[in-house]
Amino acid sequence: CNLNQDGVFESHICPALKRLTRMSELDLSSNAVSLPDTFFEAISAMDELSELLLQHNQIGDQGATKLIQSLSPKAPCERLWLQNNAISSDSRKTILASLETLGRSTTLQIQFGA
């Protein structure tokens, strides 16, 4: 599936996600998405998000960094899957360091992969 096609992800899905502030799990894996600012706005309001699956997309270094910065401090986010998103080794280190500073009481399970 390609949710980026014809702007569907940014124009329809992201605005809908903004209204789902109590969502606990979100799986957008294998959808060929890059992450627009409207997605980061939606994620920042999800205080109960415990699992975020974004593997096999087109997030890249900048998108992954913005994603981590956008996670609500209240959200438990126990599982975060980012493998196969063209995230460089340097960005992975930065992301892991950022996650450590969030002071979460739960263990994060993060996979990067190729």
Protein backbone atom coordinates (compact mmCIF):
# COMPACT_ATOMS: atom_id res chain seq x y z
CA CYS A 1 0.00 0.00 0.00
CA ASN A 2 1.25 3.52 -0.73
CA LEU A 3 -0.47 6.02 1.53
CA ASN A 4 1.66 8.85 0.16
CA GLN A 5 -0.05 8.47 -3.23
CA ASP A 6 -2.19 11.51 -4.07
CA GLY A 7 -1.48 13.02 -0.64
CA VAL A 8 -3.90 10.62 1.09
CA PHE A 9 -1.75 10.24 4.20
CA GLU A 10 -1.23 13.94 4.85
CA SER A 11 -4.66 15.20 3.76
CA HIS A 12 -6.92 12.48 5.18
CA ILE A 13 -5.19 10.12 7.60
CA CYS A 14 -3.13 12.61 9.62
CA PRO A 15 -6.11 14.88 10.35
CA ALA A 16 -8.08 11.82 11.48
CA LEU A 17 -5.21 10.75 13.74
CA LYS A 18 -5.32 14.16 15.44
CA ARG A 19 -8.78 13.28 16.74
CA LEU A 20 -7.66 9.91 18.14
CA THR A 21 -5.79 11.19 21.17
CA ARG A 22 -6.53 8.10 23.29
CA MET A 23 -5.06 5.65 20.78
CA SER A 24 -2.72 3.12 22.37
CA GLU A 25 -1.43 1.27 19.30
CA LEU A 26 -0.72 2.54 15.80
CA ASP A 27 0.55 0.35 12.97
CA LEU A 28 1.51 2.15 9.78
CA SER A 29 4.14 -0.37 8.71
CA SER A 30 4.78 -1.07 5.03
CA ASN A 31 2.85 1.91 3.69
CA ALA A 32 5.62 3.84 1.90
CA VAL A 33 4.98 6.88 4.09
CA SER A 34 7.26 9.75 4.89
CA LEU A 35 6.11 11.71 7.92
CA PRO A 36 4.60 15.17 7.38
CA ASP A 37 4.34 17.76 10.17
CA THR A 38 0.64 16.92 10.60
CA PHE A 39 1.68 13.41 11.68
CA PHE A 40 4.04 14.78 14.34
CA GLU A 41 1.26 17.02 15.63
CA ALA A 42 -1.07 14.02 15.93
CA ILE A 43 1.52 11.86 17.69
CA SER A 44 2.33 14.59 20.22
CA ALA A 45 -1.28 14.52 21.45
CA MET A 46 -1.44 10.72 21.93
CA ASP A 47 -0.85 10.42 25.66
CA GLU A 48 -1.70 6.70 25.81
CA LEU A 49 0.39 5.52 22.84
CA SER A 50 2.20 2.36 23.90
CA GLU A 51 3.08 0.81 20.55
CA LEU A 52 4.11 2.53 17.33
CA LEU A 53 4.97 0.40 14.31
CA LEU A 54 6.49 2.31 11.42
CA GLN A 55 8.80 -0.26 9.85
CA HIS A 56 9.29 -0.47 6.08
CA ASN A 57 8.45 3.15 5.25
CA GLN A 58 10.38 6.22 4.10
CA ILE A 59 11.04 8.03 7.35
CA GLY A 60 14.78 8.74 7.06
CA ASP A 61 17.04 10.49 9.55
CA GLN A 62 15.15 13.76 9.82
CA GLY A 63 11.76 12.07 10.18
CA ALA A 64 12.99 9.69 12.86
CA THR A 65 14.51 12.52 14.87
CA LYS A 66 11.32 14.58 14.63
CA LEU A 67 9.30 11.54 15.61
CA ILE A 68 11.23 11.06 18.86
CA GLN A 69 10.89 14.76 19.66
CA SER A 70 7.13 14.55 19.01
CA LEU A 71 6.31 11.65 21.32
CA SER A 72 4.17 12.85 24.19
CA PRO A 73 6.06 12.82 27.49
CA LYS A 74 2.96 11.20 29.02
CA ALA A 75 2.82 8.32 26.51
CA PRO A 76 4.29 5.03 27.75
CA CYS A 77 5.50 4.06 24.22
CA GLU A 78 6.83 0.63 25.19
CA ARG A 79 7.43 -0.54 21.62
CA LEU A 80 8.77 1.53 18.78
CA TRP A 81 9.59 -0.17 15.48
CA LEU A 82 11.64 1.79 12.96
CA GLN A 83 13.51 -0.82 10.95
CA ASN A 84 13.94 -0.42 7.18
CA ASN A 85 13.46 3.33 7.09
CA ALA A 86 16.85 4.52 5.80
CA ILE A 87 17.97 5.72 9.24
CA SER A 88 21.75 6.16 9.45
CA SER A 89 23.95 4.78 12.20
CA ASP A 90 24.64 8.30 13.52
CA SER A 91 20.94 9.09 13.70
CA ARG A 92 20.27 5.79 15.47
CA LYS A 93 22.74 6.78 18.18
CA THR A 94 21.12 10.20 18.52
CA ILE A 95 17.66 8.65 18.73
CA LEU A 96 18.71 6.18 21.41
CA ALA A 97 20.33 8.96 23.43
CA SER A 98 17.16 11.06 23.13
CA LEU A 99 15.01 8.17 24.31
CA GLU A 100 17.19 7.71 27.37
CA THR A 101 16.65 11.33 28.38
CA LEU A 102 12.85 10.92 28.26
CA GLY A 103 12.97 9.12 31.61
CA ARG A 104 10.39 6.51 30.70
CA SER A 105 9.54 3.95 33.36
CA THR A 106 9.02 1.24 30.74
CA THR A 107 11.52 -0.55 28.54
CA LEU A 108 11.55 0.49 24.92
CA GLN A 109 11.97 -2.18 22.28
CA ILE A 110 13.56 -0.55 19.31
CA GLN A 111 14.58 -2.27 16.11
CA PHE A 112 16.34 -0.48 13.31
CA GLY A 113 17.69 -3.02 10.85
CA ALA A 114 18.76 -2.23 7.31
